[in-house]
C-alpha atoms as a PDB file:
ATOM      1  CA  MET A   1     -54.261 155.174  69.391  1.00  0.00           C
ATOM      2  CA  GLY A   2     -51.381 155.046  67.156  1.00  0.00           C
ATOM      3  CA  ALA A   3     -51.711 152.291  64.037  1.00  0.00           C
ATOM      4  CA  ARG A   4     -51.094 148.844  65.259  1.00  0.00           C
ATOM      5  CA  GLU A   5     -48.249 147.472  65.211  1.00  0.00           C
ATOM      6  CA  GLN A   6     -47.466 144.712  62.346  1.00  0.00           C
ATOM      7  CA  VAL A   7     -46.723 141.293  64.110  1.00  0.00           C
ATOM      8  CA  LEU A   8     -45.563 139.321  61.012  1.00  0.00           C
ATOM      9  CA  SER A   9     -43.328 140.516  58.308  1.00  0.00           C
ATOM     10  CA  HIS A  10     -44.171 139.908  54.957  1.00  0.00           C
ATOM     11  CA  ASP A  11     -41.823 137.728  54.141  1.00  0.00           C
ATOM     12  CA  GLU A  12     -42.944 135.376  57.496  1.00  0.00           C
ATOM     13  CA  ILE A  13     -46.515 135.547  56.165  1.00  0.00           C
ATOM     14  CA  SER A  14     -45.309 134.181  53.106  1.00  0.00           C
ATOM     15  CA  ALA A  15     -43.395 130.934  54.884  1.00  0.00           C
ATOM     16  CA  LEU A  16     -46.517 130.589  56.513  1.00  0.00           C
ATOM     17  CA  LEU A  17     -48.456 130.030  53.850  1.00  0.00           C
ATOM     18  CA  ALA A  18     -46.161 128.157  51.886  1.00  0.00           C
ATOM     19  CA  THR A  19     -46.883 124.328  51.548  1.00  0.00           C
ATOM     20  CA  PRO A  20     -43.549 122.067  50.368  1.00  0.00           C
ATOM     21  CA  ASN A  21     -44.960 119.916  47.137  1.00  0.00           C
ATOM     22  CA  GLU A  22     -42.849 116.929  48.231  1.00  0.00           C
ATOM     23  CA  PRO A  23     -42.171 114.846  51.508  1.00  0.00           C
ATOM     24  CA  GLY A  24     -38.560 115.661  51.004  1.00  0.00           C
ATOM     25  CA  ASP A  25     -38.968 119.080  50.668  1.00  0.00           C
ATOM     26  CA  SER A  26     -37.186 121.550  53.591  1.00  0.00           C
ATOM     27  CA  PHE A  27     -39.591 124.212  54.989  1.00  0.00           C
ATOM     28  CA  PRO A  28     -39.509 127.881  54.187  1.00  0.00           C
ATOM     29  CA  GLY A  29     -36.743 129.152  56.245  1.00  0.00           C
ATOM     30  CA  ALA A  30     -35.948 125.937  57.847  1.00  0.00           C
ATOM     31  CA  ALA A  31     -31.763 124.524  58.180  1.00  0.00           C
ATOM     32  CA  ALA A  32     -30.152 122.621  55.706  1.00  0.00           C
ATOM     33  CA  GLY A  33     -31.172 119.079  56.139  1.00  0.00           C
ATOM     34  CA  GLU A  34     -34.288 119.407  57.923  1.00  0.00           C
ATOM     35  CA  ASN A  35     -37.103 117.978  56.243  1.00  0.00           C
ATOM     36  CA  ARG A  36     -40.773 117.753  57.281  1.00  0.00           C
ATOM     37  CA  TYR A  37     -42.574 114.658  58.378  1.00  0.00           C
ATOM     38  CA  ASP A  38     -46.152 114.171  57.701  1.00  0.00           C
ATOM     39  CA  PHE A  39     -47.661 112.864  60.952  1.00  0.00           C
ATOM     40  CA  SER A  40     -50.731 112.589  58.973  1.00  0.00           C
ATOM     41  CA  ASN A  41     -49.826 109.737  57.279  1.00  0.00           C
ATOM     42  CA  PRO A  42     -51.628 107.024  58.193  1.00  0.00           C
ATOM     43  CA  ALA A  43     -48.970 104.312  56.996  1.00  0.00           C
ATOM     44  CA  ALA A  44     -46.551 106.075  59.376  1.00  0.00           C
ATOM     45  CA  ALA A  45     -48.530 105.190  62.852  1.00  0.00           C
ATOM     46  CA  ILE A  46     -48.157 101.787  62.298  1.00  0.00           C
ATOM     47  CA  ARG A  47     -45.206 101.263  60.275  1.00  0.00           C
ATOM     48  CA  GLY A  48     -43.186  99.370  63.966  1.00  0.00           C
ATOM     49  CA  MET A  49     -46.961  97.255  63.930  1.00  0.00           C
ATOM     50  CA  LEU A  50     -46.496  95.501  60.933  1.00  0.00           C
ATOM     51  CA  PRO A  51     -45.645  92.492  61.836  1.00  0.00           C
ATOM     52  CA  LEU A  52     -48.635  91.900  64.469  1.00  0.00           C
ATOM     53  CA  ILE A  53     -51.290  93.279  62.434  1.00  0.00           C
ATOM     54  CA  GLU A  54     -49.965  90.833  59.669  1.00  0.00           C
ATOM     55  CA  GLY A  55     -49.913  87.934  61.879  1.00  0.00           C
ATOM     56  CA  LEU A  56     -53.284  89.215  62.931  1.00  0.00           C
ATOM     57  CA  PHE A  57     -54.755  89.135  59.980  1.00  0.00           C
ATOM     58  CA  ASP A  58     -53.042  85.783  58.780  1.00  0.00           C
ATOM     59  CA  GLY A  59     -54.812  84.406  61.369  1.00  0.00           C
ATOM     60  CA  PHE A  60     -58.252  85.775  60.473  1.00  0.00           C
ATOM     61  CA  ALA A  61     -58.281  85.482  57.451  1.00  0.00           C
ATOM     62  CA  ASP A  62     -57.394  81.476  58.030  1.00  0.00           C
ATOM     63  CA  LEU A  63     -60.271  81.169  60.325  1.00  0.00           C
ATOM     64  CA  PHE A  64     -63.072  83.268  58.197  1.00  0.00           C
ATOM     65  CA  ARG A  65     -62.720  80.819  55.226  1.00  0.00           C
ATOM     66  CA  THR A  66     -62.765  77.923  57.832  1.00  0.00           C
ATOM     67  CA  HIS A  67     -66.437  79.338  59.015  1.00  0.00           C
ATOM     68  CA  LEU A  68     -67.762  80.442  55.898  1.00  0.00           C
ATOM     69  CA  LEU A  69     -66.914  76.710  54.957  1.00  0.00           C
ATOM     70  CA  ASP A  70     -68.666  75.386  57.715  1.00  0.00           C
ATOM     71  CA  ALA A  71     -72.129  77.372  57.519  1.00  0.00           C
ATOM     72  CA  LEU A  72     -72.217  77.866  53.785  1.00  0.00           C
ATOM     73  CA  ARG A  73     -70.992  74.234  52.433  1.00  0.00           C
ATOM     74  CA  LEU A  74     -69.163  75.953  49.747  1.00  0.00           C
ATOM     75  CA  GLU A  75     -65.973  75.083  48.114  1.00  0.00           C
ATOM     76  CA  LEU A  76     -64.318  78.993  48.365  1.00  0.00           C
ATOM     77  CA  ASP A  77     -60.716  80.842  47.696  1.00  0.00           C
ATOM     78  CA  LEU A  78     -59.886  83.279  49.947  1.00  0.00           C
ATOM     79  CA  ASP A  79     -56.860  85.191  48.926  1.00  0.00           C
ATOM     80  CA  ARG A  80     -55.580  87.796  51.578  1.00  0.00           C
ATOM     81  CA  GLY A  81     -54.324  90.872  49.847  1.00  0.00           C
ATOM     82  CA  ALA A  82     -51.826  92.980  51.614  1.00  0.00           C
ATOM     83  CA  VAL A  83     -52.342  95.075  54.842  1.00  0.00           C
ATOM     84  CA  SER A  84     -52.363  98.367  54.154  1.00  0.00           C
ATOM     85  CA  THR A  85     -53.380 102.124  55.732  1.00  0.00           C
ATOM     86  CA  GLU A  86     -56.355 104.559  54.426  1.00  0.00           C
ATOM     87  CA  ARG A  87     -57.950 107.591  55.475  1.00  0.00           C
ATOM     88  CA  PRO A  88     -61.891 107.101  56.054  1.00  0.00           C
ATOM     89  CA  ALA A  89     -62.798 109.569  53.785  1.00  0.00           C
ATOM     90  CA  ASP A  90     -60.387 107.805  51.030  1.00  0.00           C
ATOM     91  CA  PHE A  91     -62.100 104.417  52.368  1.00  0.00           C
ATOM     92  CA  VAL A  92     -65.781 105.285  52.434  1.00  0.00           C
ATOM     93  CA  ALA A  93     -65.148 107.466  48.743  1.00  0.00           C
ATOM     94  CA  ARG A  94     -64.482 103.561  46.719  1.00  0.00           C
ATOM     95  CA  LEU A  95     -67.225 101.640  48.372  1.00  0.00           C
ATOM     96  CA  SER A  96     -68.979 100.090  46.159  1.00  0.00           C
ATOM     97  CA  ASP A  97     -73.473 100.678  46.120  1.00  0.00           C
ATOM     98  CA  PRO A  98     -74.904  99.151  47.646  1.00  0.00           C
ATOM     99  CA  CYS A  99     -72.111  97.870  50.123  1.00  0.00           C
ATOM    100  CA  SER A 100     -73.080  95.880  53.366  1.00  0.00           C
ATOM    101  CA  VAL A 101     -70.972  97.999  55.991  1.00  0.00           C
ATOM    102  CA  SER A 102     -70.998  96.509  59.643  1.00  0.00           C
ATOM    103  CA  PHE A 103     -70.207  98.156  62.319  1.00  0.00           C
ATOM    104  CA  LEU A 104     -68.082  96.285  65.283  1.00  0.00           C
ATOM    105  CA  GLU A 105     -67.510  96.744  68.801  1.00  0.00           C
ATOM    106  CA  ILE A 106     -64.486  94.270  69.803  1.00  0.00           C
ATOM    107  CA  SER A 107     -64.658  94.149  73.549  1.00  0.00           C
ATOM    108  CA  PRO A 108     -62.779  95.538  75.560  1.00  0.00           C
ATOM    109  CA  PHE A 109     -60.983  97.719  72.999  1.00  0.00           C
ATOM    110  CA  PRO A 110     -62.101 101.230  71.766  1.00  0.00           C
ATOM    111  CA  GLY A 111     -63.530 101.947  68.789  1.00  0.00           C
ATOM    112  CA  ALA A 112     -65.324 100.384  66.443  1.00  0.00           C
ATOM    113  CA  ALA A 113     -64.171  98.209  63.010  1.00  0.00           C
ATOM    114  CA  LEU A 114     -65.888  97.686  60.369  1.00  0.00           C
ATOM    115  CA  LEU A 115     -66.646  94.594  58.248  1.00  0.00           C
ATOM    116  CA  THR A 116     -67.438  95.108  54.443  1.00  0.00           C
ATOM    117  CA  LEU A 117     -68.834  92.837  52.072  1.00  0.00           C
ATOM    118  CA  ASP A 118     -69.073  94.288  48.316  1.00  0.00           C
ATOM    119  CA  SER A 119     -72.454  93.750  46.348  1.00  0.00           C
ATOM    120  CA  ALA A 120     -70.495  91.486  44.087  1.00  0.00           C
ATOM    121  CA  LEU A 121     -69.572  89.114  46.709  1.00  0.00           C
ATOM    122  CA  VAL A 122     -72.967  89.197  48.211  1.00  0.00           C
ATOM    123  CA  PHE A 123     -74.606  88.520  45.191  1.00  0.00           C
ATOM    124  CA  SER A 124     -72.039  85.331  44.082  1.00  0.00           C
ATOM    125  CA  LEU A 125     -72.423  83.511  47.324  1.00  0.00           C
ATOM    126  CA  VAL A 126     -76.398  83.484  46.724  1.00  0.00           C
ATOM    127  CA  ASP A 127     -76.410  82.112  43.898  1.00  0.00           C
ATOM    128  CA  GLY A 128     -73.659  79.490  44.184  1.00  0.00           C
ATOM    129  CA  PHE A 129     -75.792  78.505  47.273  1.00  0.00           C
ATOM    130  CA  PHE A 130     -78.641  77.519  45.668  1.00  0.00           C
ATOM    131  CA  GLY A 131     -76.992  75.677  43.318  1.00  0.00           C
ATOM    132  CA  GLY A 132     -75.819  78.315  40.549  1.00  0.00           C
ATOM    133  CA  ARG A 133     -72.342  78.670  39.523  1.00  0.00           C
ATOM    134  CA  GLY A 134     -71.656  81.575  41.645  1.00  0.00           C
ATOM    135  CA  LYS A 135     -72.900  84.230  38.947  1.00  0.00           C
ATOM    136  CA  SER A 136     -73.054  88.219  40.489  1.00  0.00           C
ATOM    137  CA  GLY A 137     -76.286  89.773  39.159  1.00  0.00           C
ATOM    138  CA  PRO A 138     -76.100  93.511  38.089  1.00  0.00           C
ATOM    139  CA  SER A 139     -75.702  96.129  41.238  1.00  0.00           C
ATOM    140  CA  THR A 140     -76.817  99.384  39.257  1.00  0.00           C
ATOM    141  CA  GLY A 141     -80.113 100.654  39.870  1.00  0.00           C
ATOM    142  CA  ARG A 142     -80.885  98.738  42.832  1.00  0.00           C
ATOM    143  CA  ASN A 143     -81.500 100.604  45.941  1.00  0.00           C
ATOM    144  CA  GLY A 144     -80.246  97.884  48.715  1.00  0.00           C
ATOM    145  CA  PHE A 145     -80.430  93.804  49.114  1.00  0.00           C
ATOM    146  CA  SER A 146     -83.110  91.456  49.466  1.00  0.00           C
ATOM    147  CA  ASP A 147     -84.228  89.180  52.217  1.00  0.00           C
ATOM    148  CA  THR A 148     -82.352  86.136  51.212  1.00  0.00           C
ATOM    149  CA  GLU A 149     -79.620  88.399  50.480  1.00  0.00           C
ATOM    150  CA  ARG A 150     -79.771  90.079  53.597  1.00  0.00           C
ATOM    151  CA  ARG A 151     -79.643  86.583  55.405  1.00  0.00           C
ATOM    152  CA  MET A 152     -76.614  85.453  53.537  1.00  0.00           C
ATOM    153  CA  ILE A 153     -74.927  88.464  55.392  1.00  0.00           C
ATOM    154  CA  SER A 154     -75.967  87.432  58.891  1.00  0.00           C
ATOM    155  CA  ARG A 155     -73.985  84.556  58.102  1.00  0.00           C
ATOM    156  CA  LEU A 156     -71.157  86.120  56.382  1.00  0.00           C
ATOM    157  CA  ARG A 157     -70.896  88.291  59.486  1.00  0.00           C
ATOM    158  CA  SER A 158     -71.326  85.118  61.923  1.00  0.00           C
ATOM    159  CA  ALA A 159     -68.543  83.350  60.428  1.00  0.00           C
ATOM    160  CA  ALA A 160     -66.430  86.551  60.620  1.00  0.00           C
ATOM    161  CA  PHE A 161     -67.506  87.287  64.586  1.00  0.00           C
ATOM    162  CA  ALA A 162     -66.339  83.805  65.079  1.00  0.00           C
ATOM    163  CA  ALA A 163     -63.380  84.477  63.256  1.00  0.00           C
ATOM    164  CA  ILE A 164     -62.482  87.650  65.027  1.00  0.00           C
ATOM    165  CA  GLY A 165     -62.908  86.177  68.274  1.00  0.00           C
ATOM    166  CA  GLU A 166     -60.399  83.255  67.870  1.00  0.00           C
ATOM    167  CA  ALA A 167     -57.798  85.247  65.960  1.00  0.00           C
ATOM    168  CA  PHE A 168     -57.901  87.654  69.066  1.00  0.00           C
ATOM    169  CA  GLU A 169     -58.434  85.220  71.708  1.00  0.00           C
ATOM    170  CA  SER A 170     -55.024  86.116  73.191  1.00  0.00           C
ATOM    171  CA  TYR A 171     -55.161  89.931  73.311  1.00  0.00           C
ATOM    172  CA  GLY A 172     -58.010  89.288  75.654  1.00  0.00           C
ATOM    173  CA  VAL A 173     -61.168  89.725  73.525  1.00  0.00           C
ATOM    174  CA  THR A 174     -64.239  88.213  75.311  1.00  0.00           C
ATOM    175  CA  ASP A 175     -66.800  89.288  72.824  1.00  0.00           C
ATOM    176  CA  CYS A 176     -67.721  90.790  69.351  1.00  0.00           C
ATOM    177  CA  ARG A 177     -71.213  92.110  68.764  1.00  0.00           C
ATOM    178  CA  LEU A 178     -72.838  94.143  65.993  1.00  0.00           C
ATOM    179  CA  ILE A 179     -73.193  97.861  66.698  1.00  0.00           C
ATOM    180  CA  ARG A 180     -75.357  98.994  63.572  1.00  0.00           C
ATOM    181  CA  GLU A 181     -75.504  97.886  59.607  1.00  0.00           C
ATOM    182  CA  GLU A 182     -75.265 100.850  56.411  1.00  0.00           C
ATOM    183  CA  ILE A 183     -75.614 100.034  52.589  1.00  0.00           C
ATOM    184  CA  ASN A 184     -75.406 103.607  51.570  1.00  0.00           C
ATOM    185  CA  PRO A 185     -71.912 104.517  51.432  1.00  0.00           C
ATOM    186  CA  GLN A 186     -72.782 107.627  52.080  1.00  0.00           C
ATOM    187  CA  LEU A 187     -74.331 107.283  55.623  1.00  0.00           C
ATOM    188  CA  VAL A 188     -70.550 105.240  57.001  1.00  0.00           C
ATOM    189  CA  GLY A 189     -68.615 108.042  57.928  1.00  0.00           C
ATOM    190  CA  ALA A 190     -71.068 109.156  60.106  1.00  0.00           C
ATOM    191  CA  GLY A 191     -70.051 109.004  63.803  1.00  0.00           C
ATOM    192  CA  HIS A 192     -67.175 106.596  63.022  1.00  0.00           C
ATOM    193  CA  SER A 193     -63.999 107.606  64.405  1.00  0.00           C
ATOM    194  CA  PRO A 194     -61.133 109.770  62.071  1.00  0.00           C
ATOM    195  CA  SER A 195     -58.343 107.867  62.985  1.00  0.00           C
ATOM    196  CA  PRO A 196     -56.434 105.667  60.220  1.00  0.00           C
ATOM    197  CA  LEU A 197     -57.949 102.863  58.711  1.00  0.00           C
ATOM    198  CA  VAL A 198     -55.653  99.726  58.808  1.00  0.00           C
ATOM    199  CA  LEU A 199     -57.415  97.405  56.290  1.00  0.00           C
ATOM    200  CA  ALA A 200     -56.938  93.496  55.562  1.00  0.00           C
ATOM    201  CA  PRO A 201     -59.279  92.744  51.803  1.00  0.00           C
ATOM    202  CA  MET A 202     -59.928  89.326  51.165  1.00  0.00           C
ATOM    203  CA  HIS A 203     -60.826  88.117  47.494  1.00  0.00           C
ATOM    204  CA  LEU A 204     -63.457  85.104  47.881  1.00  0.00           C
ATOM    205  CA  THR A 205     -63.960  83.287  44.631  1.00  0.00           C
ATOM    206  CA  LEU A 206     -66.848  81.262  44.055  1.00  0.00           C
ATOM    207  CA  GLY A 207     -66.977  79.608  40.497  1.00  0.00           C
ATOM    208  CA  GLU A 208     -67.187  82.441  37.752  1.00  0.00           C
ATOM    209  CA  GLY A 209     -67.740  84.742  40.364  1.00  0.00           C
ATOM    210  CA  GLY A 210     -66.745  85.995  44.156  1.00  0.00           C
ATOM    211  CA  GLY A 211     -65.821  89.264  45.405  1.00  0.00           C
ATOM    212  CA  THR A 212     -64.332  91.272  48.235  1.00  0.00           C
ATOM    213  CA  ALA A 213     -64.589  91.415  52.069  1.00  0.00           C
ATOM    214  CA  GLN A 214     -62.683  93.428  54.277  1.00  0.00           C
ATOM    215  CA  LEU A 215     -61.760  93.728  58.089  1.00  0.00           C
ATOM    216  CA  ALA A 216     -60.805  97.557  59.003  1.00  0.00           C
ATOM    217  CA  LEU A 217     -59.341  98.413  61.995  1.00  0.00           C
ATOM    218  CA  ALA A 218     -58.984 102.087  63.471  1.00  0.00           C
ATOM    219  CA  TYR A 219     -55.395 102.859  64.487  1.00  0.00           C
ATOM    220  CA  SER A 220     -57.113 103.196  67.625  1.00  0.00           C
ATOM    221  CA  MET A 221     -57.790  99.698  68.403  1.00  0.00           C
ATOM    222  CA  LEU A 222     -54.450  98.417  67.762  1.00  0.00           C
ATOM    223  CA  GLU A 223     -52.973 100.530  70.251  1.00  0.00           C
ATOM    224  CA  PRO A 224     -53.583  98.473  72.846  1.00  0.00           C
ATOM    225  CA  LEU A 225     -52.556  95.506  71.045  1.00  0.00           C
ATOM    226  CA  ARG A 226     -48.936  96.467  70.709  1.00  0.00           C
ATOM    227  CA  LEU A 227     -48.955  97.651  74.383  1.00  0.00           C
ATOM    228  CA  GLN A 228     -49.971  93.853  75.031  1.00  0.00           C
ATOM    229  CA  ALA A 229     -47.871  92.496  73.006  1.00  0.00           C
ATOM    230  CA  ALA A 230     -44.757  94.635  73.783  1.00  0.00           C
ATOM    231  CA  ALA A 231     -45.668  93.141  77.605  1.00  0.00           C
ATOM    232  CA  VAL A 232     -45.291  89.688  76.228  1.00  0.00           C
ATOM    233  CA  LEU A 233     -42.361  89.559  74.219  1.00  0.00           C
ATOM    234  CA  GLN A 234     -40.643  91.337  77.566  1.00  0.00           C
ATOM    235  CA  ARG A 235     -41.522  88.232  79.231  1.00  0.00           C
ATOM    236  CA  VAL A 236     -40.761  85.356  77.029  1.00  0.00           C
ATOM    237  CA  GLY A 237     -38.327  83.266  78.392  1.00  0.00           C
ATOM    238  CA  GLY A 238     -38.756  83.421  81.883  1.00  0.00           C
ATOM    239  CA  SER A 239     -41.553  82.188  84.159  1.00  0.00           C
ATOM    240  CA  ALA A 240     -43.902  85.267  84.260  1.00  0.00           C
ATOM    241  CA  ALA A 241     -46.050  84.214  81.184  1.00  0.00           C
ATOM    242  CA  PRO A 242     -45.502  80.691  80.593  1.00  0.00           C
ATOM    243  CA  ASP A 243     -48.808  80.342  78.437  1.00  0.00           C
ATOM    244  CA  ALA A 244     -48.038  83.312  76.603  1.00  0.00           C
ATOM    245  CA  THR A 245     -44.449  82.092  75.631  1.00  0.00           C
ATOM    246  CA  THR A 246     -46.375  78.872  74.422  1.00  0.00           C
ATOM    247  CA  ARG A 247     -48.852  80.357  71.779  1.00  0.00           C
ATOM    248  CA  TRP A 248     -46.052  82.135  70.732  1.00  0.00           C
ATOM    249  CA  ARG A 249     -43.905  79.662  69.626  1.00  0.00           C
ATOM    250  CA  ALA A 250     -47.026  77.632  68.817  1.00  0.00           C
ATOM    251  CA  THR A 251     -47.909  80.655  65.699  1.00  0.00           C
ATOM    252  CA  LEU A 252     -44.547  81.478  64.882  1.00  0.00           C
ATOM    253  CA  GLY A 253     -43.721  77.395  64.718  1.00  0.00           C
ATOM    254  CA  ASP A 254     -46.642  76.731  61.807  1.00  0.00           C
ATOM    255  CA  ALA A 255     -45.153  79.835  60.222  1.00  0.00           C
ATOM    256  CA  ASP A 256     -44.316  78.586  56.379  1.00  0.00           C
ATOM    257  CA  VAL A 257     -40.595  79.989  55.508  1.00  0.00           C
ATOM    258  CA  ASP A 258     -38.568  79.783  51.907  1.00  0.00           C
ATOM    259  CA  LEU A 259     -35.688  77.527  51.545  1.00  0.00           C
ATOM    260  CA  ARG A 260     -33.519  78.110  48.653  1.00  0.00           C
ATOM    261  CA  CYS A 261     -30.342  76.371  47.898  1.00  0.00           C
ATOM    262  CA  GLU A 262     -28.421  77.466  45.196  1.00  0.00           C
ATOM    263  CA  LEU A 263     -25.838  75.049  43.847  1.00  0.00           C
ATOM    264  CA  THR A 264     -23.399  77.170  41.110  1.00  0.00           C
ATOM    265  CA  ARG A 265     -24.067  80.070  38.696  1.00  0.00           C
ATOM    266  CA  VAL A 266     -22.520  80.173  34.805  1.00  0.00           C
ATOM    267  CA  ASP A 267     -21.822  83.140  33.293  1.00  0.00           C
ATOM    268  CA  LEU A 268     -22.918  83.387  29.905  1.00  0.00           C
ATOM    269  CA  THR A 269     -22.719  86.493  27.387  1.00  0.00           C
ATOM    270  CA  LEU A 270     -26.019  87.072  25.292  1.00  0.00           C
ATOM    271  CA  GLY A 271     -23.941  85.904  22.318  1.00  0.00           C
ATOM    272  CA  GLU A 272     -23.472  82.271  23.560  1.00  0.00           C
ATOM    273  CA  LEU A 273     -27.216  82.147  25.213  1.00  0.00           C
ATOM    274  CA  MET A 274     -28.443  82.784  21.496  1.00  0.00           C
ATOM    275  CA  GLU A 275     -26.000  79.844  19.909  1.00  0.00           C
ATOM    276  CA  LEU A 276     -27.776  77.108  22.894  1.00  0.00           C
ATOM    277  CA  GLN A 277     -29.925  74.868  21.368  1.00  0.00           C
ATOM    278  CA  ALA A 278     -31.389  71.227  22.242  1.00  0.00           C
ATOM    279  CA  GLY A 279     -28.741  68.696  23.887  1.00  0.00           C
ATOM    280  CA  ASP A 280     -26.048  71.301  24.379  1.00  0.00           C
ATOM    281  CA  VAL A 281     -24.320  70.698  27.862  1.00  0.00           C
ATOM    282  CA  ILE A 282     -22.809  73.681  29.939  1.00  0.00           C
ATOM    283  CA  PRO A 283     -20.428  72.879  32.472  1.00  0.00           C
ATOM    284  CA  ILE A 284     -20.690  73.311  36.401  1.00  0.00           C
ATOM    285  CA  GLU A 285     -18.603  72.836  39.180  1.00  0.00           C
ATOM    286  CA  ILE A 286     -20.950  72.183  42.001  1.00  0.00           C
ATOM    287  CA  PRO A 287     -18.689  73.888  45.422  1.00  0.00           C
ATOM    288  CA  GLU A 288     -17.928  71.462  48.131  1.00  0.00           C
ATOM    289  CA  GLN A 289     -19.913  74.469  50.318  1.00  0.00           C
ATOM    290  CA  VAL A 290     -23.128  75.871  49.323  1.00  0.00           C
ATOM    291  CA  ARG A 291     -25.830  78.107  51.330  1.00  0.00           C
ATOM    292  CA  LEU A 292     -29.138  77.934  51.902  1.00  0.00           C
ATOM    293  CA  ASP A 293     -31.163  80.581  52.218  1.00  0.00           C
ATOM    294  CA  VAL A 294     -34.141  81.262  53.957  1.00  0.00           C
ATOM    295  CA  GLY A 295     -36.850  83.888  53.284  1.00  0.00           C
ATOM    296  CA  GLY A 296     -34.383  85.715  51.331  1.00  0.00           C
ATOM    297  CA  VAL A 297     -31.709  85.743  53.863  1.00  0.00           C
ATOM    298  CA  ALA A 298     -28.400  83.168  54.125  1.00  0.00           C
ATOM    299  CA  LEU A 299     -28.783  81.539  57.116  1.00  0.00           C
ATOM    300  CA  PHE A 300     -26.912  78.425  56.902  1.00  0.00           C
ATOM    301  CA  GLN A 301     -23.878  76.813  55.415  1.00  0.00           C
ATOM    302  CA  GLY A 302     -23.074  72.958  54.610  1.00  0.00           C
ATOM    303  CA  GLN A 303     -22.719  70.423  51.819  1.00  0.00           C
ATOM    304  CA  PHE A 304     -25.025  69.018  49.203  1.00  0.00           C
ATOM    305  CA  GLY A 305     -25.183  65.648  48.767  1.00  0.00           C
ATOM    306  CA  VAL A 306     -27.907  62.606  48.643  1.00  0.00           C
ATOM    307  CA  THR A 307     -29.311  60.452  51.227  1.00  0.00           C
ATOM    308  CA  LYS A 308     -31.847  57.565  51.086  1.00  0.00           C
ATOM    309  CA  GLY A 309     -32.219  58.424  47.275  1.00  0.00           C
ATOM    310  CA  ARG A 310     -33.034  61.920  47.779  1.00  0.00           C
ATOM    311  CA  ARG A 311     -31.272  64.856  47.118  1.00  0.00           C
ATOM    312  CA  ALA A 312     -29.992  66.609  50.818  1.00  0.00           C
ATOM    313  CA  PHE A 313     -28.965  69.384  52.371  1.00  0.00           C
ATOM    314  CA  GLN A 314     -26.112  69.123  55.095  1.00  0.00           C
ATOM    315  CA  VAL A 315     -26.317  72.044  57.720  1.00  0.00           C
ATOM    316  CA  GLY A 316     -22.557  72.699  59.048  1.00  0.00           C
ATOM    317  CA  LYS A 317     -22.422  75.935  59.883  1.00  0.00           C
ATOM    318  CA  LEU A 318     -25.540  79.010  61.009  1.00  0.00           C
ATOM    319  CA  LEU A 319     -24.190  81.751  59.443  1.00  0.00           C
ATOM    320  CA  ASN A 320     -26.348  84.685  61.240  1.00  0.00           C
ATOM    321  CA  LEU A 321     -27.487  83.245  64.265  1.00  0.00           C
ATOM    322  CA  GLY A 322     -24.148  81.990  65.569  1.00  0.00           C
ATOM    323  CA  GLY A 323     -22.744  79.026  66.843  1.00  0.00           C
ATOM    324  CA  SER A 324     -22.098  75.843  64.936  1.00  0.00           C
ATOM    325  CA  ALA A 325     -24.114  73.321  64.121  1.00  0.00           C
ATOM    326  CA  SER A 326     -21.766  70.222  62.882  1.00  0.00           C
ATOM    327  CA  ASP A 327     -24.033  67.711  64.621  1.00  0.00           C
ATOM    328  CA  ALA A 328     -27.491  69.024  63.637  1.00  0.00           C
ATOM    329  CA  LEU A 329     -30.372  68.903  61.708  1.00  0.00           C
ATOM    330  CA  ARG A 330     -28.895  65.995  59.536  1.00  0.00           C
ATOM    331  CA  LYS A 331     -31.706  64.499  58.101  1.00  0.00           C
ATOM    332  CA  PRO A 332     -32.728  65.354  54.606  1.00  0.00           C
ATOM    333  CA  SER A 333     -34.505  68.698  53.912  1.00  0.00           C
ATOM    334  CA  GLY A 334     -35.982  67.587  50.451  1.00  0.00           C
ATOM    335  CA  ASP A 335     -35.661  68.756  47.200  1.00  0.00           C
ATOM    336  CA  ASP A 336     -33.748  72.104  46.788  1.00  0.00           C
ATOM    337  CA  GLU A 337     -33.881  74.517  44.044  1.00  0.00           C
ATOM    338  CA  ALA A 338     -31.152  75.610  42.502  1.00  0.00           C
END
């Protein structure tokens, strides 16, 4: 037989082996304007689900704090961090040693969720539970947790189970149970889903100490939630799902929004600003119509005034919602920020 025919040329092989360095770089040989898209980027998978995920984690964090107060009788401050995504290997690499990692099954959704409690949090809560100031002892050189610390972990996990059940109730969650627990970060990755993780970190502060608890959900678990949420949104406003509509409206109705009313602006040069002294007066003119921003978006236009001795804003027009509201919302909105 003669020599085998070469299938790929040298230039084609080089093009296949070349890797773009930046997300915007084009693949070798690609047409102008064609950029690569990193499908392995975990953030790309949940970008369209962020409002749903934020709502779920907000509800979970509030309920988790409530159940912790009932279980421990300690005054805890809880700050939830921003929702983020991470590959499982990177997530495991950041875990403290020792660290309580509970694998949870949330029926009926597939896969396993992770609840992580770092050692600083466990030590701080044990100290505070027995009358201390919440100080965290050193974790270096320890192979695990004591019996007392394990009981504290069990209390934290029970509070998380109750919070998950209530926060996910509207999505058909019927049960949340422990599959297994690991305290060695090197064993956490064994058998876990390769799906990107959606993380909700919560920093708990107690006295002089505290630590971080984190709920990590695989994207494969959130996909059924997205489908259910889409079905609910399609039925909102009709008679097919009145209970779902009521739950959505009740949840949104309790959401906090930031209202700001800017009365006027004054232009000053840097020199004029530096010459200002105590007692100087900056003349301003309040316009007849002012704008009310809600969450940074201009939604209303109306008049600024005073009613019952309090500064108030009277809505006259809905800017981004359509229609007119000359007779709506006439009661005072409280002190406005200029």
